[in-house]
N, C-alpha and C. Protein backbone atom coordinates (compact mmCIF):
# COMPACT_ATOMS: atom_id res chain seq x y z
N MET A 1 -10.15 18.91 -7.81
CA MET A 1 -11.27 19.81 -7.95
C MET A 1 -11.92 19.55 -9.30
N SER A 2 -13.22 19.56 -9.29
CA SER A 2 -13.93 19.32 -10.53
C SER A 2 -15.19 20.18 -10.55
N PRO A 3 -15.43 20.94 -11.56
CA PRO A 3 -14.54 21.28 -12.67
C PRO A 3 -13.56 22.39 -12.27
N ALA A 4 -12.55 22.63 -13.12
CA ALA A 4 -11.56 23.68 -12.87
C ALA A 4 -12.00 25.00 -13.49
N GLU A 5 -13.12 24.97 -14.21
CA GLU A 5 -13.66 26.19 -14.81
C GLU A 5 -15.16 26.00 -15.01
N GLY A 6 -15.86 27.13 -15.09
CA GLY A 6 -17.30 27.07 -15.31
C GLY A 6 -17.92 28.45 -15.25
N THR A 7 -19.18 28.51 -15.62
CA THR A 7 -19.92 29.76 -15.58
C THR A 7 -20.50 29.96 -14.18
N PRO A 8 -20.91 31.19 -13.82
CA PRO A 8 -21.56 31.38 -12.53
C PRO A 8 -22.75 30.42 -12.38
N GLY A 9 -22.87 29.83 -11.20
CA GLY A 9 -23.93 28.85 -10.93
C GLY A 9 -23.48 27.41 -11.07
N THR A 10 -22.31 27.19 -11.70
CA THR A 10 -21.77 25.84 -11.84
C THR A 10 -21.37 25.31 -10.46
N ILE A 11 -21.72 24.05 -10.17
CA ILE A 11 -21.33 23.44 -8.90
C ILE A 11 -19.91 22.91 -9.02
N VAL A 12 -19.07 23.30 -8.06
CA VAL A 12 -17.68 22.85 -7.99
C VAL A 12 -17.57 21.88 -6.82
N SER A 13 -16.92 20.74 -7.03
CA SER A 13 -16.69 19.75 -5.98
C SER A 13 -15.20 19.67 -5.71
N LEU A 14 -14.85 19.71 -4.44
CA LEU A 14 -13.45 19.71 -4.05
C LEU A 14 -13.24 18.67 -2.95
N SER A 15 -12.32 17.75 -3.20
CA SER A 15 -11.99 16.75 -2.19
C SER A 15 -11.14 17.40 -1.10
N MET A 16 -11.58 17.27 0.14
CA MET A 16 -10.90 17.88 1.28
C MET A 16 -10.47 16.79 2.25
N GLU A 17 -9.18 16.71 2.49
CA GLU A 17 -8.64 15.76 3.45
C GLU A 17 -8.44 16.49 4.78
N TYR A 18 -8.95 15.92 5.85
CA TYR A 18 -8.79 16.47 7.20
C TYR A 18 -9.40 17.85 7.35
N LEU A 19 -10.52 18.09 6.75
CA LEU A 19 -11.26 19.34 6.97
C LEU A 19 -11.84 19.25 8.37
N VAL A 20 -11.33 20.05 9.29
CA VAL A 20 -11.65 19.91 10.71
C VAL A 20 -12.84 20.76 11.12
N GLY A 21 -12.90 22.00 10.68
CA GLY A 21 -13.85 22.94 11.25
C GLY A 21 -15.02 23.29 10.37
N TRP A 22 -15.33 24.57 10.35
CA TRP A 22 -16.48 25.13 9.65
C TRP A 22 -15.96 25.83 8.42
N PRO A 23 -16.09 25.24 7.25
CA PRO A 23 -15.48 25.84 6.06
C PRO A 23 -16.17 27.10 5.58
N ARG A 24 -15.37 27.97 5.01
CA ARG A 24 -15.84 29.15 4.27
C ARG A 24 -15.06 29.16 2.97
N VAL A 25 -15.70 29.62 1.89
CA VAL A 25 -15.06 29.70 0.58
C VAL A 25 -15.01 31.17 0.18
N GLU A 26 -13.82 31.63 -0.19
CA GLU A 26 -13.62 33.02 -0.62
C GLU A 26 -13.17 33.02 -2.07
N ILE A 27 -13.86 33.78 -2.90
CA ILE A 27 -13.50 33.88 -4.32
C ILE A 27 -13.93 35.24 -4.84
N GLY A 28 -13.00 35.94 -5.46
CA GLY A 28 -13.30 37.23 -6.07
C GLY A 28 -13.89 38.25 -5.11
N GLY A 29 -13.43 38.24 -3.86
CA GLY A 29 -13.94 39.18 -2.87
C GLY A 29 -15.29 38.78 -2.28
N LYS A 30 -15.82 37.64 -2.67
CA LYS A 30 -17.09 37.15 -2.13
C LYS A 30 -16.81 36.00 -1.17
N MET A 31 -17.50 35.99 -0.04
CA MET A 31 -17.33 34.96 0.97
C MET A 31 -18.61 34.14 1.05
N MET A 32 -18.45 32.82 0.95
CA MET A 32 -19.57 31.90 1.11
C MET A 32 -19.34 31.11 2.38
N ASP A 33 -20.35 31.03 3.23
CA ASP A 33 -20.20 30.24 4.44
C ASP A 33 -21.21 29.10 4.47
N TRP A 34 -21.38 28.50 5.63
CA TRP A 34 -22.10 27.23 5.76
C TRP A 34 -23.41 27.14 4.98
N PRO A 35 -24.32 28.13 5.04
CA PRO A 35 -25.59 27.95 4.31
C PRO A 35 -25.42 27.84 2.79
N GLN A 36 -24.31 28.34 2.25
CA GLN A 36 -24.10 28.32 0.80
C GLN A 36 -23.20 27.17 0.36
N LEU A 37 -22.76 26.34 1.30
CA LEU A 37 -21.85 25.24 1.01
C LEU A 37 -22.53 23.92 1.32
N LYS A 38 -21.99 22.85 0.75
CA LYS A 38 -22.50 21.51 1.04
C LYS A 38 -21.30 20.61 1.31
N LEU A 39 -21.38 19.85 2.41
CA LEU A 39 -20.36 18.87 2.73
C LEU A 39 -20.93 17.47 2.57
N LEU A 40 -20.16 16.63 1.90
CA LEU A 40 -20.54 15.22 1.71
C LEU A 40 -19.38 14.35 2.18
N ALA A 41 -19.67 13.17 2.64
CA ALA A 41 -18.62 12.23 3.00
C ALA A 41 -17.97 11.70 1.73
N ALA A 42 -16.65 11.58 1.75
CA ALA A 42 -15.93 11.01 0.62
C ALA A 42 -16.18 9.50 0.54
N ASN A 43 -16.45 8.88 1.67
CA ASN A 43 -16.73 7.45 1.74
C ASN A 43 -18.13 7.19 1.18
N PRO A 44 -18.24 6.41 0.10
CA PRO A 44 -19.55 6.15 -0.50
C PRO A 44 -20.57 5.55 0.46
N ASP A 45 -20.11 4.84 1.48
CA ASP A 45 -21.03 4.24 2.46
C ASP A 45 -21.68 5.28 3.37
N ARG A 46 -21.14 6.50 3.36
CA ARG A 46 -21.65 7.55 4.25
C ARG A 46 -22.23 8.74 3.48
N LYS A 47 -22.55 8.53 2.21
CA LYS A 47 -23.05 9.62 1.36
C LYS A 47 -24.36 10.24 1.87
N GLU A 48 -25.15 9.48 2.59
CA GLU A 48 -26.45 9.96 3.06
C GLU A 48 -26.37 10.71 4.40
N VAL A 49 -25.19 10.74 5.02
CA VAL A 49 -25.02 11.42 6.31
C VAL A 49 -25.00 12.93 6.07
N PRO A 50 -25.83 13.71 6.80
CA PRO A 50 -25.81 15.17 6.63
C PRO A 50 -24.43 15.75 6.97
N GLY A 51 -24.06 16.81 6.28
CA GLY A 51 -22.75 17.43 6.44
C GLY A 51 -22.41 17.78 7.87
N GLU A 52 -23.39 18.28 8.64
CA GLU A 52 -23.11 18.68 10.02
C GLU A 52 -22.91 17.49 10.95
N GLU A 53 -23.20 16.28 10.48
CA GLU A 53 -23.02 15.08 11.30
C GLU A 53 -21.77 14.28 10.92
N LEU A 54 -20.99 14.78 9.96
CA LEU A 54 -19.77 14.06 9.56
C LEU A 54 -18.72 14.15 10.67
N VAL A 55 -17.93 13.11 10.81
CA VAL A 55 -16.87 13.06 11.80
C VAL A 55 -15.76 14.02 11.36
N TRP A 56 -15.20 14.76 12.30
CA TRP A 56 -14.25 15.82 11.94
C TRP A 56 -13.04 15.31 11.19
N ILE A 57 -12.61 14.09 11.42
CA ILE A 57 -11.37 13.61 10.81
C ILE A 57 -11.59 12.90 9.47
N GLU A 58 -12.84 12.61 9.11
CA GLU A 58 -13.06 11.88 7.85
C GLU A 58 -12.91 12.80 6.64
N ASP A 59 -12.51 12.22 5.54
CA ASP A 59 -12.35 12.98 4.30
C ASP A 59 -13.72 13.37 3.77
N LYS A 60 -13.79 14.58 3.18
CA LYS A 60 -15.07 15.12 2.75
C LYS A 60 -14.98 15.68 1.34
N ILE A 61 -16.13 15.87 0.75
CA ILE A 61 -16.26 16.58 -0.52
C ILE A 61 -16.97 17.89 -0.19
N LEU A 62 -16.35 19.01 -0.54
CA LEU A 62 -16.93 20.33 -0.33
C LEU A 62 -17.50 20.80 -1.66
N GLU A 63 -18.77 21.16 -1.67
CA GLU A 63 -19.41 21.64 -2.89
C GLU A 63 -19.88 23.08 -2.71
N PHE A 64 -19.69 23.87 -3.77
CA PHE A 64 -20.20 25.25 -3.78
C PHE A 64 -20.50 25.65 -5.21
N LYS A 65 -21.36 26.65 -5.36
CA LYS A 65 -21.68 27.18 -6.69
C LYS A 65 -20.78 28.38 -6.97
N ILE A 66 -20.31 28.47 -8.21
CA ILE A 66 -19.51 29.63 -8.60
C ILE A 66 -20.43 30.85 -8.51
N PRO A 67 -20.01 31.87 -7.74
CA PRO A 67 -20.85 33.06 -7.60
C PRO A 67 -20.86 33.90 -8.88
N ASP A 68 -21.75 34.89 -8.90
CA ASP A 68 -21.81 35.80 -10.04
C ASP A 68 -20.56 36.66 -10.07
N LEU A 69 -19.64 36.30 -10.94
CA LEU A 69 -18.37 37.02 -11.10
C LEU A 69 -18.12 37.23 -12.58
N PRO A 70 -17.41 38.31 -12.93
CA PRO A 70 -17.05 38.48 -14.32
C PRO A 70 -16.07 37.39 -14.76
N PRO A 71 -16.02 37.09 -16.05
CA PRO A 71 -15.07 36.07 -16.54
C PRO A 71 -13.63 36.43 -16.14
N GLY A 72 -12.86 35.38 -15.84
CA GLY A 72 -11.46 35.59 -15.49
C GLY A 72 -10.94 34.47 -14.62
N ASN A 73 -9.68 34.58 -14.24
CA ASN A 73 -9.04 33.60 -13.37
C ASN A 73 -9.07 34.11 -11.94
N TYR A 74 -9.46 33.26 -11.03
CA TYR A 74 -9.61 33.64 -9.62
C TYR A 74 -8.88 32.65 -8.73
N MET A 75 -8.37 33.17 -7.61
CA MET A 75 -7.82 32.33 -6.55
C MET A 75 -8.98 32.04 -5.59
N VAL A 76 -9.21 30.76 -5.35
CA VAL A 76 -10.24 30.34 -4.40
C VAL A 76 -9.54 29.94 -3.12
N THR A 77 -10.01 30.47 -2.00
CA THR A 77 -9.43 30.13 -0.70
C THR A 77 -10.50 29.43 0.13
N ILE A 78 -10.15 28.24 0.62
CA ILE A 78 -11.02 27.50 1.53
C ILE A 78 -10.48 27.75 2.93
N HIS A 79 -11.27 28.42 3.76
CA HIS A 79 -10.90 28.69 5.15
C HIS A 79 -11.49 27.58 6.01
N ASP A 80 -10.68 26.98 6.86
CA ASP A 80 -11.13 25.92 7.77
C ASP A 80 -11.14 26.49 9.18
N ASP A 81 -12.22 27.16 9.53
CA ASP A 81 -12.31 27.81 10.84
C ASP A 81 -12.52 26.80 11.94
N LYS A 82 -12.01 27.11 13.12
CA LYS A 82 -12.12 26.22 14.27
C LYS A 82 -13.36 26.52 15.10
N GLY A 83 -14.47 26.73 14.46
CA GLY A 83 -15.72 26.98 15.17
C GLY A 83 -16.68 27.71 14.27
N PRO A 84 -17.90 27.85 14.71
CA PRO A 84 -18.90 28.57 13.90
C PRO A 84 -18.47 30.01 13.65
N PRO A 85 -18.78 30.57 12.50
CA PRO A 85 -18.41 31.95 12.20
C PRO A 85 -18.88 32.92 13.28
N GLY A 86 -17.94 33.74 13.76
CA GLY A 86 -18.26 34.77 14.74
C GLY A 86 -18.34 34.30 16.18
N ASP A 87 -18.17 33.01 16.44
CA ASP A 87 -18.26 32.49 17.81
C ASP A 87 -16.86 32.22 18.34
N THR A 88 -16.21 33.25 18.86
CA THR A 88 -14.83 33.10 19.32
C THR A 88 -14.72 32.22 20.56
N VAL A 89 -15.74 32.21 21.42
CA VAL A 89 -15.69 31.35 22.61
C VAL A 89 -15.63 29.89 22.19
N TYR A 90 -16.51 29.48 21.29
CA TYR A 90 -16.50 28.10 20.78
C TYR A 90 -15.15 27.78 20.18
N SER A 91 -14.64 28.68 19.37
CA SER A 91 -13.36 28.48 18.70
C SER A 91 -12.23 28.27 19.70
N VAL A 92 -12.17 29.11 20.73
CA VAL A 92 -11.11 28.99 21.75
C VAL A 92 -11.27 27.68 22.51
N LEU A 93 -12.49 27.34 22.90
CA LEU A 93 -12.70 26.09 23.65
C LEU A 93 -12.35 24.87 22.82
N GLU A 94 -12.77 24.87 21.55
CA GLU A 94 -12.48 23.72 20.69
C GLU A 94 -10.97 23.58 20.47
N THR A 95 -10.30 24.68 20.18
CA THR A 95 -8.85 24.63 19.96
C THR A 95 -8.13 24.18 21.23
N THR A 96 -8.57 24.66 22.39
CA THR A 96 -7.96 24.25 23.66
C THR A 96 -8.13 22.74 23.87
N ALA A 97 -9.31 22.23 23.56
CA ALA A 97 -9.54 20.78 23.70
C ALA A 97 -8.62 20.00 22.79
N TYR A 98 -8.41 20.48 21.59
CA TYR A 98 -7.49 19.81 20.66
C TYR A 98 -6.06 19.83 21.19
N VAL A 99 -5.64 20.96 21.75
CA VAL A 99 -4.27 21.10 22.25
C VAL A 99 -4.01 20.14 23.40
N ILE A 100 -5.03 19.89 24.21
CA ILE A 100 -4.88 18.99 25.36
C ILE A 100 -4.72 17.53 24.91
N PHE A 101 -5.15 17.20 23.71
CA PHE A 101 -5.13 15.83 23.21
C PHE A 101 -4.07 15.71 22.11
N PRO A 102 -2.82 15.33 22.45
CA PRO A 102 -1.70 15.33 21.49
C PRO A 102 -1.90 14.57 20.18
N PRO A 103 -2.67 13.46 20.12
CA PRO A 103 -2.80 12.78 18.83
C PRO A 103 -3.41 13.63 17.72
N VAL A 104 -4.13 14.70 18.08
CA VAL A 104 -4.74 15.53 17.04
C VAL A 104 -3.88 16.73 16.66
N TRP A 105 -2.72 16.90 17.27
CA TRP A 105 -1.88 18.07 16.99
C TRP A 105 -1.58 18.26 15.50
N PRO A 106 -1.30 17.19 14.74
CA PRO A 106 -1.02 17.42 13.31
C PRO A 106 -2.19 18.06 12.57
N PHE A 107 -3.41 17.87 13.07
CA PHE A 107 -4.58 18.45 12.42
C PHE A 107 -4.85 19.87 12.88
N VAL A 108 -4.47 20.18 14.11
CA VAL A 108 -4.73 21.49 14.68
C VAL A 108 -3.65 22.49 14.27
N PHE A 109 -2.40 22.05 14.33
CA PHE A 109 -1.29 22.95 14.05
C PHE A 109 -0.89 22.87 12.58
N ARG A 110 -1.82 23.12 11.74
CA ARG A 110 -1.59 23.14 10.30
C ARG A 110 -2.27 24.38 9.75
N SER A 111 -2.02 24.64 8.50
CA SER A 111 -2.65 25.80 7.87
C SER A 111 -4.16 25.68 7.92
N ASN A 112 -4.82 26.79 8.18
CA ASN A 112 -6.28 26.78 8.25
C ASN A 112 -6.90 27.16 6.92
N GLN A 113 -6.13 27.03 5.84
CA GLN A 113 -6.70 27.34 4.54
C GLN A 113 -6.02 26.56 3.44
N ALA A 114 -6.73 26.41 2.35
CA ALA A 114 -6.20 25.80 1.14
C ALA A 114 -6.59 26.72 -0.02
N GLN A 115 -5.77 26.73 -1.06
CA GLN A 115 -6.05 27.60 -2.20
C GLN A 115 -5.91 26.84 -3.51
N PHE A 116 -6.70 27.27 -4.50
CA PHE A 116 -6.58 26.71 -5.84
C PHE A 116 -7.12 27.74 -6.83
N ASN A 117 -6.79 27.54 -8.10
CA ASN A 117 -7.23 28.45 -9.15
C ASN A 117 -8.52 27.94 -9.79
N LEU A 118 -9.37 28.89 -10.16
CA LEU A 118 -10.64 28.59 -10.81
C LEU A 118 -10.85 29.62 -11.91
N ARG A 119 -11.24 29.15 -13.07
CA ARG A 119 -11.50 30.06 -14.19
C ARG A 119 -13.01 30.20 -14.35
N VAL A 120 -13.48 31.45 -14.29
CA VAL A 120 -14.90 31.74 -14.47
C VAL A 120 -15.08 32.10 -15.95
N LEU A 121 -15.99 31.37 -16.59
CA LEU A 121 -16.27 31.55 -18.02
C LEU A 121 -17.46 32.49 -18.21
N PRO A 122 -17.54 33.13 -19.39
CA PRO A 122 -18.69 34.00 -19.65
C PRO A 122 -19.97 33.17 -19.80
N VAL A 123 -21.07 33.75 -19.38
CA VAL A 123 -22.37 33.11 -19.54
C VAL A 123 -22.76 33.22 -21.01
N LYS A 124 -23.21 32.10 -21.57
CA LYS A 124 -23.57 32.10 -22.99
C LYS A 124 -25.00 32.50 -23.21
């Protein structure tokens, strides 16, 4: 993750391996979803591919801005949802399709979140 600290508005980049679904970022009680996040391909040859067109199994860079939070240390949680937010039908169908195809089981039957620490600095 780069940087590990910053003021509100600082862009944070996080390397994500096997990010399968629709990411959401939770920090300090604030939830950021797709419109507030940016996905980039980790592969330099695919940097120009829009985030929504990236292949589900390729490694990605997740970018987000530190929200307006008071200074302090925060736990950041990256949720890897199995479908668009609020669309349970899509989520169930996508998960069912994954279950039917055994080679993807290691990606489906894993934790749907990752966590790391981030220090929010005071605005100067």
